Amino acid sequence: MAPTRAQLETFLARPWARLRALKDRHHAVVVAAEGADAAFRVAAQLRAHAQAMGADDTPAARREDLAAAVRLRKLLDRVSRRTRRAR
């Protein structure tokens, strides 16, 4: 089911800079405490979770995921431009 315009606008209105700063701070604390190996552990955990959720880790599946991400980005960019013009 495609997201509604209101859902996209709500998503775009999130405090992205603040969220990025919080995420960066969290990762800096983790790496400072546990070293760079922490990043590899997190990546392994994310991959295991994706596989547990049924993600298909094949080259074709990765191409499909990339294509879907590109389509979503284009949609979000369109909504963002329209939202900025409406203000």
C-alpha atoms as a PDB file:
ATOM      1  CA  MET A   1       0.000   0.000   0.000  1.00  0.00           C
ATOM      2  CA  ALA A   2       1.437   3.371  -1.010  1.00  0.00           C
ATOM      3  CA  PRO A   3       1.848   6.023   1.676  1.00  0.00           C
ATOM      4  CA  THR A   4      -0.555   8.944   1.642  1.00  0.00           C
ATOM      5  CA  ARG A   5       0.540  12.500   1.029  1.00  0.00           C
ATOM      6  CA  ALA A   6      -0.028  13.299   4.708  1.00  0.00           C
ATOM      7  CA  GLN A   7       2.143  10.349   5.759  1.00  0.00           C
ATOM      8  CA  LEU A   8       4.947  11.465   3.440  1.00  0.00           C
ATOM      9  CA  GLU A   9       4.730  15.046   4.688  1.00  0.00           C
ATOM     10  CA  THR A  10       4.842  13.841   8.302  1.00  0.00           C
ATOM     11  CA  PHE A  11       7.876  11.704   7.487  1.00  0.00           C
ATOM     12  CA  LEU A  12       9.654  14.618   5.809  1.00  0.00           C
ATOM     13  CA  ALA A  13       8.838  16.958   8.703  1.00  0.00           C
ATOM     14  CA  ARG A  14      10.799  14.872  11.197  1.00  0.00           C
ATOM     15  CA  PRO A  15      13.707  16.646  12.898  1.00  0.00           C
ATOM     16  CA  TRP A  16      16.281  14.882  10.700  1.00  0.00           C
ATOM     17  CA  ALA A  17      19.293  16.980  11.749  1.00  0.00           C
ATOM     18  CA  ARG A  18      18.557  16.353  15.432  1.00  0.00           C
ATOM     19  CA  LEU A  19      18.022  12.636  14.830  1.00  0.00           C
ATOM     20  CA  ARG A  20      21.301  12.420  12.864  1.00  0.00           C
ATOM     21  CA  ALA A  21      23.168  14.191  15.684  1.00  0.00           C
ATOM     22  CA  LEU A  22      21.735  11.795  18.282  1.00  0.00           C
ATOM     23  CA  LYS A  23      22.617   8.766  16.165  1.00  0.00           C
ATOM     24  CA  ASP A  24      26.154  10.041  15.529  1.00  0.00           C
ATOM     25  CA  ARG A  25      26.643  10.704  19.251  1.00  0.00           C
ATOM     26  CA  HIS A  26      25.399   7.222  20.131  1.00  0.00           C
ATOM     27  CA  HIS A  27      27.750   5.555  17.662  1.00  0.00           C
ATOM     28  CA  ALA A  28      30.691   7.654  18.858  1.00  0.00           C
ATOM     29  CA  VAL A  29      30.060   6.527  22.439  1.00  0.00           C
ATOM     30  CA  VAL A  30      29.787   2.879  21.390  1.00  0.00           C
ATOM     31  CA  VAL A  31      32.972   2.987  19.297  1.00  0.00           C
ATOM     32  CA  ALA A  32      34.849   4.827  22.060  1.00  0.00           C
ATOM     33  CA  ALA A  33      33.796   2.211  24.600  1.00  0.00           C
ATOM     34  CA  GLU A  34      34.024  -0.924  22.463  1.00  0.00           C
ATOM     35  CA  GLY A  35      36.298  -0.056  19.540  1.00  0.00           C
ATOM     36  CA  ALA A  36      35.697  -0.370  15.816  1.00  0.00           C
ATOM     37  CA  ASP A  37      34.685  -4.026  16.246  1.00  0.00           C
ATOM     38  CA  ALA A  38      31.372  -2.675  17.534  1.00  0.00           C
ATOM     39  CA  ALA A  39      30.477  -1.541  14.001  1.00  0.00           C
ATOM     40  CA  PHE A  40      31.103  -5.029  12.650  1.00  0.00           C
ATOM     41  CA  ARG A  41      28.960  -6.552  15.405  1.00  0.00           C
ATOM     42  CA  VAL A  42      26.107  -4.177  14.611  1.00  0.00           C
ATOM     43  CA  ALA A  43      26.370  -4.978  10.890  1.00  0.00           C
ATOM     44  CA  ALA A  44      26.300  -8.711  11.638  1.00  0.00           C
ATOM     45  CA  GLN A  45      23.267  -8.255  13.900  1.00  0.00           C
ATOM     46  CA  LEU A  46      21.430  -6.259  11.226  1.00  0.00           C
ATOM     47  CA  ARG A  47      22.190  -8.890   8.613  1.00  0.00           C
ATOM     48  CA  ALA A  48      21.038 -11.718  10.913  1.00  0.00           C
ATOM     49  CA  HIS A  49      17.832  -9.809  11.665  1.00  0.00           C
ATOM     50  CA  ALA A  50      17.163  -9.202   7.965  1.00  0.00           C
ATOM     51  CA  GLN A  51      17.694 -12.881   7.218  1.00  0.00           C
ATOM     52  CA  ALA A  52      15.395 -13.862  10.100  1.00  0.00           C
ATOM     53  CA  MET A  53      12.741 -11.589   8.572  1.00  0.00           C
ATOM     54  CA  GLY A  54      13.073 -13.474   5.291  1.00  0.00           C
ATOM     55  CA  ALA A  55      15.338 -11.101   3.383  1.00  0.00           C
ATOM     56  CA  ASP A  56      16.775 -12.679   0.278  1.00  0.00           C
ATOM     57  CA  ASP A  57      20.497 -11.909   0.138  1.00  0.00           C
ATOM     58  CA  THR A  58      21.180 -12.516  -3.533  1.00  0.00           C
ATOM     59  CA  PRO A  59      22.539 -10.126  -6.171  1.00  0.00           C
ATOM     60  CA  ALA A  60      19.096  -9.969  -7.797  1.00  0.00           C
ATOM     61  CA  ALA A  61      17.418  -9.160  -4.478  1.00  0.00           C
ATOM     62  CA  ARG A  62      19.983  -6.445  -3.768  1.00  0.00           C
ATOM     63  CA  ARG A  63      19.333  -4.905  -7.209  1.00  0.00           C
ATOM     64  CA  GLU A  64      15.585  -4.939  -6.501  1.00  0.00           C
ATOM     65  CA  ASP A  65      16.149  -3.339  -3.087  1.00  0.00           C
ATOM     66  CA  LEU A  66      18.300  -0.621  -4.649  1.00  0.00           C
ATOM     67  CA  ALA A  67      15.698   0.050  -7.336  1.00  0.00           C
ATOM     68  CA  ALA A  68      12.980   0.333  -4.660  1.00  0.00           C
ATOM     69  CA  ALA A  69      15.153   2.710  -2.610  1.00  0.00           C
ATOM     70  CA  VAL A  70      15.753   4.888  -5.669  1.00  0.00           C
ATOM     71  CA  ARG A  71      12.014   5.014  -6.427  1.00  0.00           C
ATOM     72  CA  LEU A  72      11.254   5.958  -2.814  1.00  0.00           C
ATOM     73  CA  ARG A  73      13.911   8.671  -2.856  1.00  0.00           C
ATOM     74  CA  LYS A  74      12.434  10.168  -6.015  1.00  0.00           C
ATOM     75  CA  LEU A  75       8.964  10.189  -4.459  1.00  0.00           C
ATOM     76  CA  LEU A  76      10.239  11.810  -1.279  1.00  0.00           C
ATOM     77  CA  ASP A  77      12.137  14.426  -3.285  1.00  0.00           C
ATOM     78  CA  ARG A  78       8.968  15.252  -5.244  1.00  0.00           C
ATOM     79  CA  VAL A  79       6.913  15.633  -2.066  1.00  0.00           C
ATOM     80  CA  SER A  80       9.656  17.706  -0.449  1.00  0.00           C
ATOM     81  CA  ARG A  81       9.781  20.128  -3.399  1.00  0.00           C
ATOM     82  CA  ARG A  82       6.006  20.495  -3.370  1.00  0.00           C
ATOM     83  CA  THR A  83       5.970  21.045   0.399  1.00  0.00           C
ATOM     84  CA  ARG A  84       8.636  23.766   0.144  1.00  0.00           C
ATOM     85  CA  ARG A  85       6.723  25.531  -2.661  1.00  0.00           C
ATOM     86  CA  ALA A  86       3.476  25.451  -0.638  1.00  0.00           C
ATOM     87  CA  ARG A  87       5.060  27.276   2.316  1.00  0.00           C
END
